[in-house]
N, C-alpha and C. Protein backbone atom coordinates (compact mmCIF):
# COMPACT_ATOMS: atom_id res chain seq x y z
N MET A 1 0.85 -1.18 0.00
CA MET A 1 0.00 0.00 0.00
C MET A 1 0.89 1.23 0.00
N VAL A 2 0.57 2.16 -0.88
CA VAL A 2 1.29 3.42 -0.97
C VAL A 2 0.31 4.53 -0.65
N ASP A 3 0.72 5.46 0.19
CA ASP A 3 -0.14 6.59 0.54
C ASP A 3 -0.49 7.39 -0.72
N PRO A 4 -1.57 8.15 -0.69
CA PRO A 4 -1.99 8.92 -1.88
C PRO A 4 -1.13 10.18 -2.06
N VAL A 5 0.15 9.97 -2.29
CA VAL A 5 1.08 11.09 -2.39
C VAL A 5 0.73 12.03 -3.55
N PRO A 6 0.27 11.53 -4.72
CA PRO A 6 -0.12 12.47 -5.77
C PRO A 6 -1.20 13.46 -5.32
N THR A 7 -2.18 12.99 -4.59
CA THR A 7 -3.24 13.86 -4.08
C THR A 7 -2.69 14.86 -3.08
N ILE A 8 -1.86 14.38 -2.17
CA ILE A 8 -1.28 15.25 -1.15
C ILE A 8 -0.34 16.27 -1.79
N SER A 9 0.38 15.85 -2.84
CA SER A 9 1.26 16.76 -3.58
C SER A 9 0.45 17.92 -4.17
N GLY A 10 -0.70 17.59 -4.75
CA GLY A 10 -1.57 18.63 -5.29
C GLY A 10 -2.03 19.61 -4.23
N LEU A 11 -2.36 19.09 -3.05
CA LEU A 11 -2.77 19.97 -1.94
C LEU A 11 -1.61 20.87 -1.50
N ALA A 12 -0.41 20.30 -1.45
CA ALA A 12 0.76 21.09 -1.05
C ALA A 12 1.00 22.23 -2.03
N ILE A 13 0.87 21.94 -3.31
CA ILE A 13 1.05 22.99 -4.33
C ILE A 13 -0.04 24.05 -4.19
N ARG A 14 -1.27 23.59 -4.07
CA ARG A 14 -2.40 24.52 -3.99
C ARG A 14 -2.28 25.47 -2.80
N HIS A 15 -1.74 24.97 -1.68
CA HIS A 15 -1.65 25.78 -0.46
C HIS A 15 -0.23 26.31 -0.22
N ASN A 16 0.65 26.15 -1.22
CA ASN A 16 2.02 26.66 -1.15
C ASN A 16 2.74 26.15 0.11
N LEU A 17 2.66 24.85 0.32
CA LEU A 17 3.29 24.21 1.48
C LEU A 17 4.35 23.21 1.03
N PRO A 18 5.42 23.04 1.81
CA PRO A 18 6.38 21.97 1.50
C PRO A 18 5.76 20.62 1.84
N LEU A 19 6.19 19.59 1.15
CA LEU A 19 5.68 18.24 1.40
C LEU A 19 6.87 17.29 1.60
N HIS A 20 6.95 16.71 2.78
CA HIS A 20 7.98 15.71 3.07
C HIS A 20 7.34 14.33 2.96
N VAL A 21 7.98 13.44 2.22
CA VAL A 21 7.52 12.06 2.09
C VAL A 21 8.47 11.17 2.88
N ASP A 22 7.96 10.56 3.94
CA ASP A 22 8.75 9.61 4.72
C ASP A 22 8.51 8.25 4.06
N ALA A 23 9.39 7.90 3.13
CA ALA A 23 9.17 6.72 2.30
C ALA A 23 9.58 5.41 2.98
N CYS A 24 10.20 5.47 4.14
CA CYS A 24 10.55 4.27 4.91
C CYS A 24 11.19 3.19 4.04
N PHE A 25 10.74 1.96 4.21
CA PHE A 25 11.29 0.82 3.45
C PHE A 25 10.92 0.92 1.98
N GLY A 26 9.72 1.40 1.70
CA GLY A 26 9.27 1.53 0.32
C GLY A 26 10.12 2.48 -0.49
N GLY A 27 10.68 3.49 0.16
CA GLY A 27 11.53 4.44 -0.55
C GLY A 27 12.75 3.80 -1.15
N PHE A 28 13.17 2.71 -0.55
CA PHE A 28 14.31 1.97 -1.09
C PHE A 28 13.86 0.90 -2.07
N MET A 29 12.75 0.25 -1.80
CA MET A 29 12.32 -0.90 -2.61
C MET A 29 11.44 -0.55 -3.81
N LEU A 30 10.58 0.45 -3.69
CA LEU A 30 9.60 0.71 -4.76
C LEU A 30 10.22 1.04 -6.11
N PRO A 31 11.34 1.77 -6.19
CA PRO A 31 11.93 1.98 -7.51
C PRO A 31 12.30 0.66 -8.21
N TRP A 32 12.75 -0.32 -7.44
CA TRP A 32 13.11 -1.62 -8.03
C TRP A 32 11.85 -2.39 -8.41
N VAL A 33 10.81 -2.29 -7.61
CA VAL A 33 9.53 -2.94 -7.93
C VAL A 33 8.98 -2.35 -9.23
N GLU A 34 9.11 -1.05 -9.40
CA GLU A 34 8.66 -0.38 -10.61
C GLU A 34 9.45 -0.87 -11.83
N LYS A 35 10.76 -1.04 -11.66
CA LYS A 35 11.61 -1.54 -12.76
C LYS A 35 11.22 -2.96 -13.17
N LEU A 36 10.62 -3.71 -12.26
CA LEU A 36 10.16 -5.06 -12.59
C LEU A 36 8.87 -5.04 -13.40
N GLY A 37 8.30 -3.84 -13.60
CA GLY A 37 7.11 -3.72 -14.43
C GLY A 37 5.81 -3.54 -13.69
N TYR A 38 5.86 -3.47 -12.37
CA TYR A 38 4.62 -3.26 -11.61
C TYR A 38 4.19 -1.81 -11.70
N SER A 39 2.90 -1.58 -11.79
CA SER A 39 2.36 -0.24 -11.86
C SER A 39 2.18 0.31 -10.44
N LEU A 40 2.82 1.43 -10.18
CA LEU A 40 2.75 2.06 -8.86
C LEU A 40 2.43 3.53 -9.01
N PRO A 41 1.75 4.11 -8.04
CA PRO A 41 1.55 5.56 -8.09
C PRO A 41 2.89 6.26 -7.83
N GLU A 42 3.06 7.42 -8.42
CA GLU A 42 4.27 8.19 -8.14
C GLU A 42 4.26 8.61 -6.68
N PHE A 43 5.42 8.63 -6.05
CA PHE A 43 5.50 8.95 -4.63
C PHE A 43 6.73 9.81 -4.32
N ASP A 44 7.46 10.21 -5.34
CA ASP A 44 8.77 10.81 -5.12
C ASP A 44 8.90 12.17 -5.81
N PHE A 45 10.14 12.56 -6.14
CA PHE A 45 10.38 13.89 -6.71
C PHE A 45 9.82 14.06 -8.12
N ARG A 46 9.26 13.04 -8.69
CA ARG A 46 8.55 13.20 -9.96
C ARG A 46 7.30 14.05 -9.77
N LEU A 47 6.79 14.09 -8.55
CA LEU A 47 5.63 14.92 -8.23
C LEU A 47 6.12 16.31 -7.85
N PRO A 48 5.57 17.36 -8.46
CA PRO A 48 6.09 18.70 -8.23
C PRO A 48 5.92 19.22 -6.80
N GLY A 49 4.98 18.66 -6.04
CA GLY A 49 4.78 19.14 -4.67
C GLY A 49 5.72 18.53 -3.65
N VAL A 50 6.42 17.45 -4.00
CA VAL A 50 7.32 16.79 -3.05
C VAL A 50 8.60 17.61 -2.96
N THR A 51 8.88 18.11 -1.75
CA THR A 51 10.07 18.94 -1.55
C THR A 51 11.19 18.21 -0.82
N SER A 52 10.85 17.16 -0.07
CA SER A 52 11.89 16.37 0.59
C SER A 52 11.38 14.95 0.78
N MET A 53 12.34 14.03 0.90
CA MET A 53 12.01 12.61 1.10
C MET A 53 13.03 12.00 2.04
N SER A 54 12.60 11.02 2.77
CA SER A 54 13.54 10.19 3.52
C SER A 54 13.20 8.74 3.24
N ALA A 55 14.22 7.90 3.32
CA ALA A 55 14.04 6.47 3.09
C ALA A 55 14.95 5.72 4.05
N ASP A 56 14.52 4.59 4.49
CA ASP A 56 15.29 3.78 5.43
C ASP A 56 16.33 2.94 4.69
N ILE A 57 17.24 3.61 3.98
CA ILE A 57 18.22 2.87 3.20
C ILE A 57 19.28 2.22 4.07
N HIS A 58 19.28 2.54 5.37
CA HIS A 58 20.25 1.88 6.25
C HIS A 58 19.93 0.39 6.42
N LYS A 59 18.68 0.01 6.17
CA LYS A 59 18.30 -1.39 6.37
C LYS A 59 18.88 -2.30 5.30
N TYR A 60 18.84 -1.84 4.05
CA TYR A 60 19.31 -2.68 2.95
C TYR A 60 20.29 -1.96 2.02
N GLY A 61 20.33 -0.65 2.09
CA GLY A 61 21.18 0.11 1.17
C GLY A 61 22.52 0.51 1.76
N LEU A 62 22.80 0.11 3.00
CA LEU A 62 24.05 0.41 3.68
C LEU A 62 24.31 1.90 3.79
N GLY A 63 23.26 2.71 3.85
CA GLY A 63 23.40 4.14 4.05
C GLY A 63 23.25 4.49 5.51
N ILE A 64 23.49 5.77 5.83
CA ILE A 64 23.32 6.20 7.22
C ILE A 64 21.83 6.24 7.57
N LYS A 65 21.52 6.22 8.84
CA LYS A 65 20.14 6.33 9.27
C LYS A 65 19.65 7.74 8.98
N ALA A 66 18.35 7.84 8.81
CA ALA A 66 17.70 9.13 8.54
C ALA A 66 18.23 9.77 7.28
N SER A 67 18.39 9.00 6.22
CA SER A 67 18.84 9.54 4.94
C SER A 67 17.71 10.35 4.31
N THR A 68 17.97 11.64 4.10
CA THR A 68 16.96 12.55 3.59
C THR A 68 17.53 13.32 2.42
N SER A 69 16.69 13.62 1.46
CA SER A 69 17.10 14.42 0.31
C SER A 69 16.05 15.48 0.04
N GLY A 70 16.50 16.59 -0.53
CA GLY A 70 15.59 17.67 -0.89
C GLY A 70 15.45 17.77 -2.39
N SER A 71 14.41 18.47 -2.83
CA SER A 71 14.14 18.59 -4.26
C SER A 71 15.04 19.61 -4.95
N SER A 72 15.75 20.41 -4.18
CA SER A 72 16.68 21.38 -4.76
C SER A 72 17.86 21.56 -3.81
N VAL A 73 18.97 22.03 -4.34
CA VAL A 73 20.15 22.25 -3.50
C VAL A 73 19.85 23.27 -2.42
N ALA A 74 19.10 24.31 -2.76
CA ALA A 74 18.75 25.33 -1.77
C ALA A 74 17.94 24.73 -0.63
N PHE A 75 17.05 23.80 -0.94
CA PHE A 75 16.22 23.18 0.09
C PHE A 75 17.04 22.19 0.91
N GLN A 76 17.96 21.47 0.28
CA GLN A 76 18.78 20.48 0.99
C GLN A 76 19.60 21.13 2.09
N PHE A 77 20.01 22.36 1.88
CA PHE A 77 20.81 23.07 2.89
C PHE A 77 20.13 23.10 4.24
N HIS A 78 18.80 23.13 4.25
CA HIS A 78 18.04 23.25 5.49
C HIS A 78 17.67 21.90 6.11
N LEU A 79 18.00 20.80 5.48
CA LEU A 79 17.52 19.51 5.96
C LEU A 79 18.33 18.95 7.12
N VAL A 80 19.56 18.59 6.90
CA VAL A 80 20.36 17.95 7.94
C VAL A 80 21.25 19.00 8.58
N THR A 81 21.11 19.15 9.88
CA THR A 81 21.88 20.18 10.57
C THR A 81 23.05 19.61 11.34
N SER A 82 23.04 18.35 11.67
CA SER A 82 24.18 17.75 12.35
C SER A 82 24.14 16.24 12.16
N LEU A 83 25.27 15.63 12.38
CA LEU A 83 25.40 14.19 12.24
C LEU A 83 26.11 13.68 13.48
N PHE A 84 25.61 12.65 14.10
CA PHE A 84 26.24 12.12 15.30
C PHE A 84 26.21 10.60 15.29
N ARG A 85 27.09 10.02 16.05
CA ARG A 85 27.14 8.57 16.19
C ARG A 85 26.41 8.16 17.47
N SER A 86 25.67 7.08 17.38
CA SER A 86 24.99 6.54 18.55
C SER A 86 25.18 5.03 18.55
N ALA A 87 24.64 4.37 19.55
CA ALA A 87 24.75 2.92 19.61
C ALA A 87 24.08 2.28 18.41
N GLY A 88 23.10 2.95 17.82
CA GLY A 88 22.38 2.41 16.67
C GLY A 88 22.98 2.81 15.33
N GLY A 89 24.05 3.58 15.34
CA GLY A 89 24.68 4.00 14.09
C GLY A 89 24.72 5.51 13.99
N GLU A 90 24.96 6.00 12.78
CA GLU A 90 25.02 7.43 12.55
C GLU A 90 23.62 7.98 12.31
N CYS A 91 23.33 9.11 12.90
CA CYS A 91 22.01 9.73 12.74
C CYS A 91 22.17 11.22 12.47
N GLY A 92 21.31 11.75 11.65
CA GLY A 92 21.27 13.19 11.40
C GLY A 92 20.09 13.79 12.11
N THR A 93 20.20 15.04 12.51
CA THR A 93 19.08 15.73 13.09
C THR A 93 18.48 16.65 12.05
N VAL A 94 17.18 16.79 12.09
CA VAL A 94 16.48 17.61 11.11
C VAL A 94 15.78 18.73 11.85
N PRO A 95 15.88 19.98 11.35
CA PRO A 95 15.21 21.08 12.04
C PRO A 95 13.71 20.90 12.08
N GLY A 96 13.09 21.48 13.11
CA GLY A 96 11.63 21.46 13.19
C GLY A 96 11.16 20.61 14.21
């Protein structure tokens, strides 16, 4: 099940709001599922209202925890403000 991100993207655009998609495990797996030929709703930066995304790529993609990306370099500047090590690995803090 994928959340109705296209609908929410439209609302974000209409109300001039940023939209963060917490894609969790699907953020890592759905692009590969799509490449296998399955039809999926768009959920990522292909939608004009999506301004940032996070995916749990640390589970299978060997990335750091809380991996987040922005839709533009200017927006990415505001996403991760610090990086620290914990017992669970490396984590970034996000403003807000």
